[in-house]
Protein backbone atom coordinates (compact mmCIF):
# COMPACT_ATOMS: atom_id res chain seq x y z
CA MET A 1 -60.54 -155.64 -123.62
CA ASN A 2 -61.93 -152.20 -123.29
CA SER A 3 -62.62 -151.21 -119.54
CA GLY A 4 -66.40 -152.14 -119.65
CA GLU A 5 -65.18 -155.99 -120.60
CA ARG A 6 -62.43 -155.60 -117.98
CA ARG A 7 -64.67 -154.82 -115.33
CA ALA A 8 -67.31 -157.56 -116.72
CA ALA A 9 -64.84 -160.10 -116.65
CA ARG A 10 -63.66 -159.37 -113.28
CA HIS A 11 -67.28 -159.75 -111.81
CA TYR A 12 -67.52 -163.11 -113.18
CA LEU A 13 -64.08 -164.17 -112.03
CA LEU A 14 -65.12 -163.01 -108.72
CA ARG A 15 -68.20 -165.29 -108.74
CA GLY A 16 -65.84 -168.35 -109.91
CA TRP A 17 -66.10 -168.51 -113.37
CA ARG A 18 -63.26 -168.55 -115.98
CA LEU A 19 -62.62 -166.75 -118.65
CA VAL A 20 -62.69 -168.84 -121.94
CA GLY A 21 -62.52 -166.16 -124.42
CA ALA A 22 -62.66 -162.48 -125.20
CA ASN A 23 -63.14 -160.77 -127.81
CA GLN A 24 -63.23 -163.52 -130.35
CA ARG A 25 -64.44 -162.88 -133.72
CA VAL A 26 -66.28 -164.90 -136.30
CA GLY A 27 -66.19 -162.89 -139.41
CA ARG A 28 -67.45 -159.40 -139.11
CA ASN A 29 -69.03 -159.94 -135.57
CA GLU A 30 -67.49 -160.64 -131.96
CA ILE A 31 -68.35 -162.44 -128.72
CA ASP A 32 -67.08 -159.76 -126.04
CA LEU A 33 -66.97 -162.28 -123.25
CA ILE A 34 -67.21 -166.46 -123.27
CA VAL A 35 -67.18 -167.45 -119.40
CA ARG A 36 -67.42 -171.04 -117.97
CA ARG A 37 -67.67 -172.77 -114.41
CA GLY A 38 -68.21 -176.17 -114.37
CA ARG A 39 -70.61 -177.40 -117.19
CA HIS A 40 -71.80 -174.23 -117.70
CA VAL A 41 -70.90 -171.79 -120.58
CA ILE A 42 -72.15 -168.05 -120.69
CA VAL A 43 -71.49 -165.74 -123.89
CA VAL A 44 -71.51 -162.01 -122.65
CA GLU A 45 -72.34 -159.11 -124.63
CA VAL A 46 -71.10 -156.02 -122.63
CA LYS A 47 -72.41 -152.48 -123.02
CA GLU A 48 -70.81 -149.70 -121.42
CA LYS A 49 -71.37 -146.13 -120.59
CA THR A 50 -69.50 -143.34 -118.96
CA GLY A 51 -72.33 -141.30 -117.46
CA ASP A 52 -75.63 -141.46 -116.85
CA ARG A 53 -76.93 -139.20 -119.84
CA TYR A 54 -78.62 -141.22 -122.90
CA GLY A 55 -80.40 -144.03 -120.97
CA ASP A 56 -79.44 -147.35 -119.51
CA PRO A 57 -76.83 -149.38 -121.17
CA LEU A 58 -78.89 -152.52 -121.39
CA GLU A 59 -80.78 -150.48 -123.53
CA MET A 60 -78.05 -150.38 -126.33
CA VAL A 61 -79.14 -154.28 -127.10
CA ASP A 62 -81.48 -154.92 -129.24
CA ALA A 63 -83.21 -158.01 -130.83
CA GLU A 64 -81.22 -157.87 -133.75
CA LYS A 65 -77.95 -157.80 -131.71
CA LEU A 66 -79.09 -160.30 -130.17
CA ARG A 67 -79.72 -162.49 -132.82
CA ARG A 68 -75.97 -161.45 -134.22
CA VAL A 69 -74.70 -162.54 -130.70
CA ARG A 70 -76.59 -165.92 -130.88
CA ARG A 71 -75.58 -166.85 -134.59
CA THR A 72 -71.75 -165.49 -133.67
CA ALA A 73 -71.96 -168.01 -130.74
CA GLN A 74 -72.94 -170.76 -132.27
CA ALA A 75 -70.25 -170.55 -134.85
CA TRP A 76 -67.56 -170.03 -132.67
CA LEU A 77 -68.80 -173.02 -130.25
CA ALA A 78 -69.40 -175.44 -133.15
CA SER A 79 -65.33 -174.91 -133.58
CA ARG A 80 -64.51 -175.76 -130.02
CA SER A 81 -65.38 -179.38 -129.61
CA GLU A 82 -64.57 -179.40 -125.81
CA LEU A 83 -67.48 -177.46 -125.19
CA ALA A 84 -69.92 -179.18 -127.42
CA ASP A 85 -71.55 -181.14 -124.45
CA LEU A 86 -71.91 -178.16 -121.82
CA GLU A 87 -75.07 -175.98 -121.54
CA VAL A 88 -74.53 -172.12 -122.97
CA SER A 89 -76.72 -169.64 -122.44
CA PHE A 90 -76.55 -165.43 -123.15
CA GLU A 91 -76.06 -162.46 -120.81
CA VAL A 92 -75.85 -159.21 -121.64
CA VAL A 93 -73.59 -157.20 -119.07
CA GLY A 94 -74.28 -153.36 -118.34
CA VAL A 95 -71.91 -151.57 -116.76
CA SER A 96 -72.37 -147.84 -115.76
CA LEU A 97 -71.23 -145.63 -112.78
CA GLY A 98 -69.17 -148.30 -111.34
CA ARG A 99 -71.97 -150.43 -111.43
CA VAL A 100 -72.27 -154.08 -113.35
CA GLU A 101 -75.80 -155.53 -114.40
CA ARG A 102 -76.28 -158.72 -115.31
CA VAL A 103 -79.36 -160.00 -117.44
CA ARG A 104 -79.71 -163.52 -118.55
CA VAL A 105 -81.31 -163.75 -122.51
CA GLU A 106 -83.58 -166.34 -122.95
CA PRO A 107 -84.62 -167.82 -126.25
CA GLY A 108 -87.20 -165.79 -127.84
CA ASP A 109 -85.95 -162.58 -126.05
CA GLU A 110 -84.63 -161.41 -129.10
């Protein structure tokens, strides 16, 4: 995990989420984090910027990236029968200047 992913994982862990997977690869695509709390799973795309130049890290995730993350997550989750009946959602986490910002991605946002 890179530093942004570690910071994001810590953010979730401190809020009662359990890390189910990190840097999970399916083909040439990767899921940064998968966290779970109770019957809810969040698939997380993490973007980090080390400075304040060139915009917000959340702006680095476009519609095509969200579609790839969704497809990759569907394939990964399909191979995990123990997660089959859980509620799954998607979030993008921006890490910048020591700040962690979470944005939930709704279906159709991509």
